[in-house]
């Protein structure tokens, strides 16, 4: 099977307001953007060690092929569980 995913980054103020006890890592759950349809997603919360970011980010990867982009739409995310901590991969 081939899966496509769309990346949606949350604004800094959303990331800054995450509860302090949310650990950096990769989480899974459900997301909805625009239409209200709900899709599987994974979300990276942390500093993206591969890029050596100094500011915490929240990148949501929605596992679905959208017909068009959803810029400006409200993104709803339900985090269901924790998969693993962040990792720095030396190669693909």
PDB file of N, CA and C in Angstrom:
ATOM      1  N   UNK A   1       0.828  -1.187   0.000  1.00  0.00           N
ATOM      2  CA  UNK A   1       0.000   0.000   0.000  1.00  0.00           C
ATOM      3  C   UNK A   1       0.870   1.247   0.000  1.00  0.00           C
ATOM      4  N   UNK A   2       0.384   2.284  -0.647  1.00  0.00           N
ATOM      5  CA  UNK A   2       1.063   3.574  -0.639  1.00  0.00           C
ATOM      6  C   UNK A   2       0.203   4.534   0.168  1.00  0.00           C
ATOM      7  N   UNK A   3       0.828   5.170   1.146  1.00  0.00           N
ATOM      8  CA  UNK A   3       0.124   6.142   1.971  1.00  0.00           C
ATOM      9  C   UNK A   3       0.709   7.522   1.723  1.00  0.00           C
ATOM     10  N   UNK A   4      -0.138   8.487   1.636  1.00  0.00           N
ATOM     11  CA  UNK A   4       0.293   9.868   1.481  1.00  0.00           C
ATOM     12  C   UNK A   4      -0.036  10.601   2.768  1.00  0.00           C
ATOM     13  N   UNK A   5       0.756  11.579   3.082  1.00  0.00           N
ATOM     14  CA  UNK A   5       0.412  12.366   4.259  1.00  0.00           C
ATOM     15  C   UNK A   5       0.675  13.833   3.991  1.00  0.00           C
ATOM     16  N   UNK A   6      -0.136  14.651   4.605  1.00  0.00           N
ATOM     17  CA  UNK A   6       0.002  16.098   4.508  1.00  0.00           C
ATOM     18  C   UNK A   6       0.513  16.607   5.839  1.00  0.00           C
ATOM     19  N   UNK A   7       1.417  17.554   5.779  1.00  0.00           N
ATOM     20  CA  UNK A   7       2.019  18.116   6.983  1.00  0.00           C
ATOM     21  C   UNK A   7       1.312  19.403   7.364  1.00  0.00           C
ATOM     22  N   UNK A   8       0.974  19.517   8.632  1.00  0.00           N
ATOM     23  CA  UNK A   8       0.368  20.738   9.155  1.00  0.00           C
ATOM     24  C   UNK A   8       1.128  21.156  10.405  1.00  0.00           C
ATOM     25  N   UNK A   9       1.726  22.323  10.366  1.00  0.00           N
ATOM     26  CA  UNK A   9       2.451  22.849  11.517  1.00  0.00           C
ATOM     27  C   UNK A   9       1.550  23.786  12.310  1.00  0.00           C
ATOM     28  N   UNK A  10       1.604  23.653  13.615  1.00  0.00           N
ATOM     29  CA  UNK A  10       0.852  24.566  14.473  1.00  0.00           C
ATOM     30  C   UNK A  10       1.655  25.841  14.702  1.00  0.00           C
ATOM     31  N   UNK A  11       0.977  26.979  14.877  1.00  0.00           N
ATOM     32  CA  UNK A  11       1.677  28.228  15.183  1.00  0.00           C
ATOM     33  C   UNK A  11       2.423  28.125  16.517  1.00  0.00           C
ATOM     34  N   UNK A  12       3.452  28.955  16.672  1.00  0.00           N
ATOM     35  CA  UNK A  12       4.275  28.929  17.884  1.00  0.00           C
ATOM     36  C   UNK A  12       3.453  29.099  19.153  1.00  0.00           C
ATOM     37  N   UNK A  13       2.432  29.963  19.136  1.00  0.00           N
ATOM     38  CA  UNK A  13       1.662  30.194  20.358  1.00  0.00           C
ATOM     39  C   UNK A  13       0.907  28.945  20.796  1.00  0.00           C
ATOM     40  N   UNK A  14       0.522  28.081  19.864  1.00  0.00           N
ATOM     41  CA  UNK A  14      -0.133  26.821  20.225  1.00  0.00           C
ATOM     42  C   UNK A  14       0.877  25.912  20.915  1.00  0.00           C
ATOM     43  N   UNK A  15       2.061  25.794  20.336  1.00  0.00           N
ATOM     44  CA  UNK A  15       3.110  24.944  20.907  1.00  0.00           C
ATOM     45  C   UNK A  15       3.515  25.475  22.281  1.00  0.00           C
ATOM     46  N   UNK A  16       3.648  26.779  22.407  1.00  0.00           N
ATOM     47  CA  UNK A  16       4.040  27.384  23.686  1.00  0.00           C
ATOM     48  C   UNK A  16       3.014  27.128  24.783  1.00  0.00           C
ATOM     49  N   UNK A  17       1.765  26.872  24.414  1.00  0.00           N
ATOM     50  CA  UNK A  17       0.703  26.653  25.401  1.00  0.00           C
ATOM     51  C   UNK A  17       0.398  25.185  25.669  1.00  0.00           C
ATOM     52  N   UNK A  18       1.206  24.275  25.120  1.00  0.00           N
ATOM     53  CA  UNK A  18       1.024  22.860  25.449  1.00  0.00           C
ATOM     54  C   UNK A  18       1.308  22.660  26.934  1.00  0.00           C
ATOM     55  N   UNK A  19       0.625  21.727  27.580  1.00  0.00           N
ATOM     56  CA  UNK A  19       0.919  21.462  28.992  1.00  0.00           C
ATOM     57  C   UNK A  19       2.398  21.110  29.184  1.00  0.00           C
ATOM     58  N   UNK A  20       2.974  21.574  30.275  1.00  0.00           N
ATOM     59  CA  UNK A  20       4.403  21.374  30.543  1.00  0.00           C
ATOM     60  C   UNK A  20       4.778  19.901  30.645  1.00  0.00           C
ATOM     61  N   UNK A  21       3.824  19.046  31.014  1.00  0.00           N
ATOM     62  CA  UNK A  21       4.153  17.627  31.192  1.00  0.00           C
ATOM     63  C   UNK A  21       4.050  16.810  29.897  1.00  0.00           C
ATOM     64  N   UNK A  22       3.805  17.455  28.758  1.00  0.00           N
ATOM     65  CA  UNK A  22       3.794  16.746  27.472  1.00  0.00           C
ATOM     66  C   UNK A  22       5.241  16.534  27.041  1.00  0.00           C
ATOM     67  N   UNK A  23       5.667  15.277  27.016  1.00  0.00           N
ATOM     68  CA  UNK A  23       7.042  14.938  26.654  1.00  0.00           C
ATOM     69  C   UNK A  23       7.261  15.082  25.161  1.00  0.00           C
ATOM     70  N   UNK A  24       8.487  15.447  24.793  1.00  0.00           N
ATOM     71  CA  UNK A  24       8.849  15.468  23.373  1.00  0.00           C
ATOM     72  C   UNK A  24       8.784  14.043  22.847  1.00  0.00           C
ATOM     73  N   UNK A  25       8.295  13.892  21.629  1.00  0.00           N
ATOM     74  CA  UNK A  25       8.220  12.565  21.038  1.00  0.00           C
ATOM     75  C   UNK A  25       7.215  12.495  19.911  1.00  0.00           C
ATOM     76  N   UNK A  26       6.944  11.266  19.503  1.00  0.00           N
ATOM     77  CA  UNK A  26       6.024  10.999  18.404  1.00  0.00           C
ATOM     78  C   UNK A  26       4.759  10.375  18.989  1.00  0.00           C
ATOM     79  N   UNK A  27       3.620  10.961  18.638  1.00  0.00           N
ATOM     80  CA  UNK A  27       2.320  10.521  19.128  1.00  0.00           C
ATOM     81  C   UNK A  27       1.438  10.136  17.941  1.00  0.00           C
ATOM     82  N   UNK A  28       0.353   9.416  18.202  1.00  0.00           N
ATOM     83  CA  UNK A  28      -0.594   9.061  17.144  1.00  0.00           C
ATOM     84  C   UNK A  28      -2.003   9.433  17.577  1.00  0.00           C
ATOM     85  N   UNK A  29      -2.885   9.502  16.591  1.00  0.00           N
ATOM     86  CA  UNK A  29      -4.267   9.825  16.899  1.00  0.00           C
ATOM     87  C   UNK A  29      -5.064  10.125  15.650  1.00  0.00           C
ATOM     88  N   UNK A  30      -5.927  11.113  15.761  1.00  0.00           N
ATOM     89  CA  UNK A  30      -6.866  11.468  14.698  1.00  0.00           C
ATOM     90  C   UNK A  30      -6.818  12.968  14.451  1.00  0.00           C
ATOM     91  N   UNK A  31      -7.069  13.371  13.204  1.00  0.00           N
ATOM     92  CA  UNK A  31      -7.062  14.793  12.861  1.00  0.00           C
ATOM     93  C   UNK A  31      -8.144  15.104  11.838  1.00  0.00           C
ATOM     94  N   UNK A  32      -8.591  16.335  11.885  1.00  0.00           N
ATOM     95  CA  UNK A  32      -9.594  16.825  10.948  1.00  0.00           C
ATOM     96  C   UNK A  32      -9.192  18.233  10.524  1.00  0.00           C
ATOM     97  N   UNK A  33      -9.262  18.499   9.228  1.00  0.00           N
ATOM     98  CA  UNK A  33      -8.931  19.832   8.709  1.00  0.00           C
ATOM     99  C   UNK A  33      -9.981  20.252   7.695  1.00  0.00           C
ATOM    100  N   UNK A  34     -10.675  21.303   7.991  1.00  0.00           N
ATOM    101  CA  UNK A  34     -11.605  21.866   7.021  1.00  0.00           C
ATOM    102  C   UNK A  34     -12.922  21.135   6.898  1.00  0.00           C
ATOM    103  N   UNK A  35     -12.942  20.037   6.162  1.00  0.00           N
ATOM    104  CA  UNK A  35     -14.192  19.356   5.805  1.00  0.00           C
ATOM    105  C   UNK A  35     -14.887  18.700   6.985  1.00  0.00           C
ATOM    106  N   UNK A  36     -14.157  18.414   8.034  1.00  0.00           N
ATOM    107  CA  UNK A  36     -14.735  17.713   9.170  1.00  0.00           C
ATOM    108  C   UNK A  36     -14.470  16.224   9.136  1.00  0.00           C
ATOM    109  N   UNK A  37     -14.022  15.706   7.977  1.00  0.00           N
ATOM    110  CA  UNK A  37     -13.673  14.292   7.912  1.00  0.00           C
ATOM    111  C   UNK A  37     -12.466  14.035   8.809  1.00  0.00           C
ATOM    112  N   UNK A  38     -12.435  12.869   9.441  1.00  0.00           N
ATOM    113  CA  UNK A  38     -11.389  12.540  10.405  1.00  0.00           C
ATOM    114  C   UNK A  38     -10.472  11.473   9.818  1.00  0.00           C
ATOM    115  N   UNK A  39      -9.155  11.688   9.970  1.00  0.00           N
ATOM    116  CA  UNK A  39      -8.154  10.784   9.402  1.00  0.00           C
ATOM    117  C   UNK A  39      -7.109  10.420  10.453  1.00  0.00           C
ATOM    118  N   UNK A  40      -6.425   9.317  10.210  1.00  0.00           N
ATOM    119  CA  UNK A  40      -5.310   8.928  11.071  1.00  0.00           C
ATOM    120  C   UNK A  40      -4.210   9.975  10.952  1.00  0.00           C
ATOM    121  N   UNK A  41      -3.447  10.134  12.036  1.00  0.00           N
ATOM    122  CA  UNK A  41      -2.331  11.075  11.997  1.00  0.00           C
ATOM    123  C   UNK A  41      -1.262  10.634  12.980  1.00  0.00           C
ATOM    124  N   UNK A  42      -0.069  11.143  12.751  1.00  0.00           N
ATOM    125  CA  UNK A  42       1.009  11.090  13.736  1.00  0.00           C
ATOM    126  C   UNK A  42       1.475  12.527  13.926  1.00  0.00           C
ATOM    127  N   UNK A  43       1.953  12.825  15.114  1.00  0.00           N
ATOM    128  CA  UNK A  43       2.406  14.182  15.403  1.00  0.00           C
ATOM    129  C   UNK A  43       3.745  14.125  16.121  1.00  0.00           C
ATOM    130  N   UNK A  44       4.640  14.969  15.673  1.00  0.00           N
ATOM    131  CA  UNK A  44       5.945  15.123  16.307  1.00  0.00           C
ATOM    132  C   UNK A  44       5.896  16.378  17.166  1.00  0.00           C
ATOM    133  N   UNK A  45       6.147  16.204  18.450  1.00  0.00           N
ATOM    134  CA  UNK A  45       6.211  17.335  19.369  1.00  0.00           C
ATOM    135  C   UNK A  45       7.629  17.375  19.918  1.00  0.00           C
ATOM    136  N   UNK A  46       8.331  18.458  19.676  1.00  0.00           N
ATOM    137  CA  UNK A  46       9.692  18.539  20.194  1.00  0.00           C
ATOM    138  C   UNK A  46      10.577  19.457  19.388  1.00  0.00           C
ATOM    139  N   UNK A  47      11.869  19.089  19.311  1.00  0.00           N
ATOM    140  CA  UNK A  47      12.874  19.980  18.738  1.00  0.00           C
ATOM    141  C   UNK A  47      13.462  19.471  17.426  1.00  0.00           C
ATOM    142  N   UNK A  48      12.921  18.417  16.860  1.00  0.00           N
ATOM    143  CA  UNK A  48      13.424  17.879  15.586  1.00  0.00           C
ATOM    144  C   UNK A  48      14.947  17.777  15.599  1.00  0.00           C
ATOM    145  N   UNK A  49      15.495  16.800  16.311  1.00  0.00           N
ATOM    146  CA  UNK A  49      16.949  16.709  16.475  1.00  0.00           C
ATOM    147  C   UNK A  49      17.725  16.659  15.166  1.00  0.00           C
ATOM    148  N   UNK A  50      17.123  16.155  14.108  1.00  0.00           N
ATOM    149  CA  UNK A  50      17.789  16.112  12.803  1.00  0.00           C
ATOM    150  C   UNK A  50      18.160  17.519  12.340  1.00  0.00           C
ATOM    151  N   UNK A  51      17.297  18.489  12.639  1.00  0.00           N
ATOM    152  CA  UNK A  51      17.513  19.876  12.215  1.00  0.00           C
ATOM    153  C   UNK A  51      18.101  20.753  13.319  1.00  0.00           C
ATOM    154  N   UNK A  52      18.278  20.150  14.499  1.00  0.00           N
ATOM    155  CA  UNK A  52      18.843  20.870  15.648  1.00  0.00           C
ATOM    156  C   UNK A  52      18.067  22.155  15.966  1.00  0.00           C
ATOM    157  N   UNK A  53      16.747  22.059  15.919  1.00  0.00           N
ATOM    158  CA  UNK A  53      15.905  23.217  16.233  1.00  0.00           C
ATOM    159  C   UNK A  53      16.107  23.657  17.679  1.00  0.00           C
ATOM    160  N   UNK A  54      16.022  24.928  17.920  1.00  0.00           N
ATOM    161  CA  UNK A  54      16.133  25.460  19.274  1.00  0.00           C
ATOM    162  C   UNK A  54      14.763  25.841  19.829  1.00  0.00           C
ATOM    163  N   UNK A  55      13.748  25.836  18.982  1.00  0.00           N
ATOM    164  CA  UNK A  55      12.386  26.156  19.395  1.00  0.00           C
ATOM    165  C   UNK A  55      11.520  24.912  19.226  1.00  0.00           C
ATOM    166  N   UNK A  56      10.723  24.615  20.229  1.00  0.00           N
ATOM    167  CA  UNK A  56       9.843  23.453  20.193  1.00  0.00           C
ATOM    168  C   UNK A  56       8.808  23.626  19.081  1.00  0.00           C
ATOM    169  N   UNK A  57       8.492  22.533  18.386  1.00  0.00           N
ATOM    170  CA  UNK A  57       7.498  22.585  17.313  1.00  0.00           C
ATOM    171  C   UNK A  57       6.492  21.450  17.465  1.00  0.00           C
ATOM    172  N   UNK A  58       5.423  21.549  16.715  1.00  0.00           N
ATOM    173  CA  UNK A  58       4.365  20.544  16.695  1.00  0.00           C
ATOM    174  C   UNK A  58       4.002  20.334  15.231  1.00  0.00           C
ATOM    175  N   UNK A  59       4.436  19.207  14.665  1.00  0.00           N
ATOM    176  CA  UNK A  59       4.181  18.904  13.254  1.00  0.00           C
ATOM    177  C   UNK A  59       3.218  17.731  13.161  1.00  0.00           C
ATOM    178  N   UNK A  60       2.052  17.981  12.601  1.00  0.00           N
ATOM    179  CA  UNK A  60       1.034  16.949  12.453  1.00  0.00           C
ATOM    180  C   UNK A  60       1.069  16.409  11.032  1.00  0.00           C
ATOM    181  N   UNK A  61       1.202  15.100  10.899  1.00  0.00           N
ATOM    182  CA  UNK A  61       1.228  14.432   9.596  1.00  0.00           C
ATOM    183  C   UNK A  61      -0.089  13.670   9.447  1.00  0.00           C
ATOM    184  N   UNK A  62      -0.970  14.178   8.600  1.00  0.00           N
ATOM    185  CA  UNK A  62      -2.277  13.559   8.384  1.00  0.00           C
ATOM    186  C   UNK A  62      -2.144  12.534   7.267  1.00  0.00           C
ATOM    187  N   UNK A  63      -2.545  11.306   7.545  1.00  0.00           N
ATOM    188  CA  UNK A  63      -2.380  10.210   6.583  1.00  0.00           C
ATOM    189  C   UNK A  63      -3.617  10.160   5.687  1.00  0.00           C
ATOM    190  N   UNK A  64      -3.559  10.984   4.653  1.00  0.00           N
ATOM    191  CA  UNK A  64      -4.667  11.096   3.702  1.00  0.00           C
ATOM    192  C   UNK A  64      -4.187  11.941   2.521  1.00  0.00           C
ATOM    193  N   UNK A  65      -4.708  11.674   1.361  1.00  0.00           N
ATOM    194  CA  UNK A  65      -4.417  12.500   0.192  1.00  0.00           C
ATOM    195  C   UNK A  65      -5.561  13.488   0.009  1.00  0.00           C
ATOM    196  N   UNK A  66      -5.279  14.749   0.254  1.00  0.00           N
ATOM    197  CA  UNK A  66      -6.284  15.794   0.085  1.00  0.00           C
ATOM    198  C   UNK A  66      -6.288  16.265  -1.365  1.00  0.00           C
ATOM    199  N   UNK A  67      -7.456  16.606  -1.886  1.00  0.00           N
ATOM    200  CA  UNK A  67      -7.565  17.082  -3.268  1.00  0.00           C
ATOM    201  C   UNK A  67      -6.960  18.469  -3.424  1.00  0.00           C
ATOM    202  N   UNK A  68      -6.963  19.245  -2.358  1.00  0.00           N
ATOM    203  CA  UNK A  68      -6.364  20.579  -2.395  1.00  0.00           C
ATOM    204  C   UNK A  68      -5.821  20.901  -1.015  1.00  0.00           C
ATOM    205  N   UNK A  69      -5.029  21.971  -0.930  1.00  0.00           N
ATOM    206  CA  UNK A  69      -4.438  22.305   0.368  1.00  0.00           C
ATOM    207  C   UNK A  69      -5.513  22.828   1.316  1.00  0.00           C
ATOM    208  N   UNK A  70      -5.158  22.874   2.576  1.00  0.00           N
ATOM    209  CA  UNK A  70      -6.116  23.348   3.575  1.00  0.00           C
ATOM    210  C   UNK A  70      -5.539  24.512   4.389  1.00  0.00           C
ATOM    211  N   UNK A  71      -4.764  25.360   3.720  1.00  0.00           N
ATOM    212  CA  UNK A  71      -4.238  26.561   4.371  1.00  0.00           C
ATOM    213  C   UNK A  71      -5.378  27.397   4.931  1.00  0.00           C
ATOM    214  N   UNK A  72      -5.203  27.884   6.136  1.00  0.00           N
ATOM    215  CA  UNK A  72      -6.210  28.736   6.753  1.00  0.00           C
ATOM    216  C   UNK A  72      -7.341  27.992   7.435  1.00  0.00           C
ATOM    217  N   UNK A  73      -7.419  26.681   7.257  1.00  0.00           N
ATOM    218  CA  UNK A  73      -8.472  25.889   7.896  1.00  0.00           C
ATOM    219  C   UNK A  73      -8.107  25.623   9.357  1.00  0.00           C
ATOM    220  N   UNK A  74      -9.104  25.411  10.180  1.00  0.00           N
ATOM    221  CA  UNK A  74      -8.862  25.032  11.568  1.00  0.00           C
ATOM    222  C   UNK A  74      -8.528  23.549  11.598  1.00  0.00           C
ATOM    223  N   UNK A  75      -7.458  23.208  12.293  1.00  0.00           N
ATOM    224  CA  UNK A  75      -7.012  21.822  12.420  1.00  0.00           C
ATOM    225  C   UNK A  75      -7.377  21.316  13.808  1.00  0.00           C
ATOM    226  N   UNK A  76      -8.128  20.228  13.843  1.00  0.00           N
ATOM    227  CA  UNK A  76      -8.490  19.586  15.108  1.00  0.00           C
ATOM    228  C   UNK A  76      -7.667  18.309  15.224  1.00  0.00           C
ATOM    229  N   UNK A  77      -7.020  18.135  16.365  1.00  0.00           N
ATOM    230  CA  UNK A  77      -6.165  16.964  16.577  1.00  0.00           C
ATOM    231  C   UNK A  77      -6.548  16.305  17.893  1.00  0.00           C
ATOM    232  N   UNK A  78      -6.719  14.993  17.868  1.00  0.00           N
ATOM    233  CA  UNK A  78      -6.942  14.213  19.085  1.00  0.00           C
ATOM    234  C   UNK A  78      -5.770  13.255  19.237  1.00  0.00           C
ATOM    235  N   UNK A  79      -4.925  13.518  20.217  1.00  0.00           N
ATOM    236  CA  UNK A  79      -3.782  12.640  20.478  1.00  0.00           C
ATOM    237  C   UNK A  79      -4.273  11.485  21.334  1.00  0.00           C
ATOM    238  N   UNK A  80      -4.067  10.266  20.830  1.00  0.00           N
ATOM    239  CA  UNK A  80      -4.573   9.072  21.490  1.00  0.00           C
ATOM    240  C   UNK A  80      -3.479   8.353  22.274  1.00  0.00           C
ATOM    241  N   UNK A  81      -2.251   8.357  21.747  1.00  0.00           N
ATOM    242  CA  UNK A  81      -1.189   7.627  22.434  1.00  0.00           C
ATOM    243  C   UNK A  81       0.198   8.078  22.029  1.00  0.00           C
ATOM    244  N   UNK A  82       1.169   7.581  22.787  1.00  0.00           N
ATOM    245  CA  UNK A  82       2.582   7.909  22.604  1.00  0.00           C
ATOM    246  C   UNK A  82       3.265   6.744  21.901  1.00  0.00           C
ATOM    247  N   UNK A  83       4.053   7.029  20.856  1.00  0.00           N
ATOM    248  CA  UNK A  83       4.775   5.975  20.140  1.00  0.00           C
ATOM    249  C   UNK A  83       6.215   5.825  20.608  1.00  0.00           C
ATOM    250  N   UNK A  84       6.962   6.940  20.619  1.00  0.00           N
ATOM    251  CA  UNK A  84       8.388   6.852  20.947  1.00  0.00           C
ATOM    252  C   UNK A  84       8.967   8.243  21.165  1.00  0.00           C
ATOM    253  N   UNK A  85      10.169   8.314  21.746  1.00  0.00           N
ATOM    254  CA  UNK A  85      10.828   9.619  21.867  1.00  0.00           C
ATOM    255  C   UNK A  85      11.345  10.081  20.512  1.00  0.00           C
ATOM    256  N   UNK A  86      11.758  11.336  20.435  1.00  0.00           N
ATOM    257  CA  UNK A  86      12.380  11.851  19.214  1.00  0.00           C
ATOM    258  C   UNK A  86      13.694  11.118  18.981  1.00  0.00           C
ATOM    259  N   UNK A  87      14.068  10.973  17.720  1.00  0.00           N
ATOM    260  CA  UNK A  87      15.333  10.328  17.364  1.00  0.00           C
ATOM    261  C   UNK A  87      16.020  11.150  16.289  1.00  0.00           C
ATOM    262  N   UNK A  88      17.332  11.057  16.252  1.00  0.00           N
ATOM    263  CA  UNK A  88      18.110  11.674  15.185  1.00  0.00           C
ATOM    264  C   UNK A  88      18.612  10.550  14.293  1.00  0.00           C
ATOM    265  N   UNK A  89      18.104  10.470  13.077  1.00  0.00           N
ATOM    266  CA  UNK A  89      18.494   9.420  12.147  1.00  0.00           C
ATOM    267  C   UNK A  89      19.666   9.896  11.301  1.00  0.00           C
ATOM    268  N   UNK A  90      20.681   9.057  11.153  1.00  0.00           N
ATOM    269  CA  UNK A  90      21.855   9.404  10.354  1.00  0.00           C
ATOM    270  C   UNK A  90      21.581   9.326   8.859  1.00  0.00           C
ATOM    271  N   UNK A  91      20.588   8.526   8.460  1.00  0.00           N
ATOM    272  CA  UNK A  91      20.246   8.384   7.045  1.00  0.00           C
ATOM    273  C   UNK A  91      18.798   7.944   6.937  1.00  0.00           C
ATOM    274  N   UNK A  92      18.295   7.937   5.707  1.00  0.00           N
ATOM    275  CA  UNK A  92      16.936   7.462   5.490  1.00  0.00           C
ATOM    276  C   UNK A  92      16.978   5.978   5.457  1.00  0.00           C
TER     277      UNK A  92
END
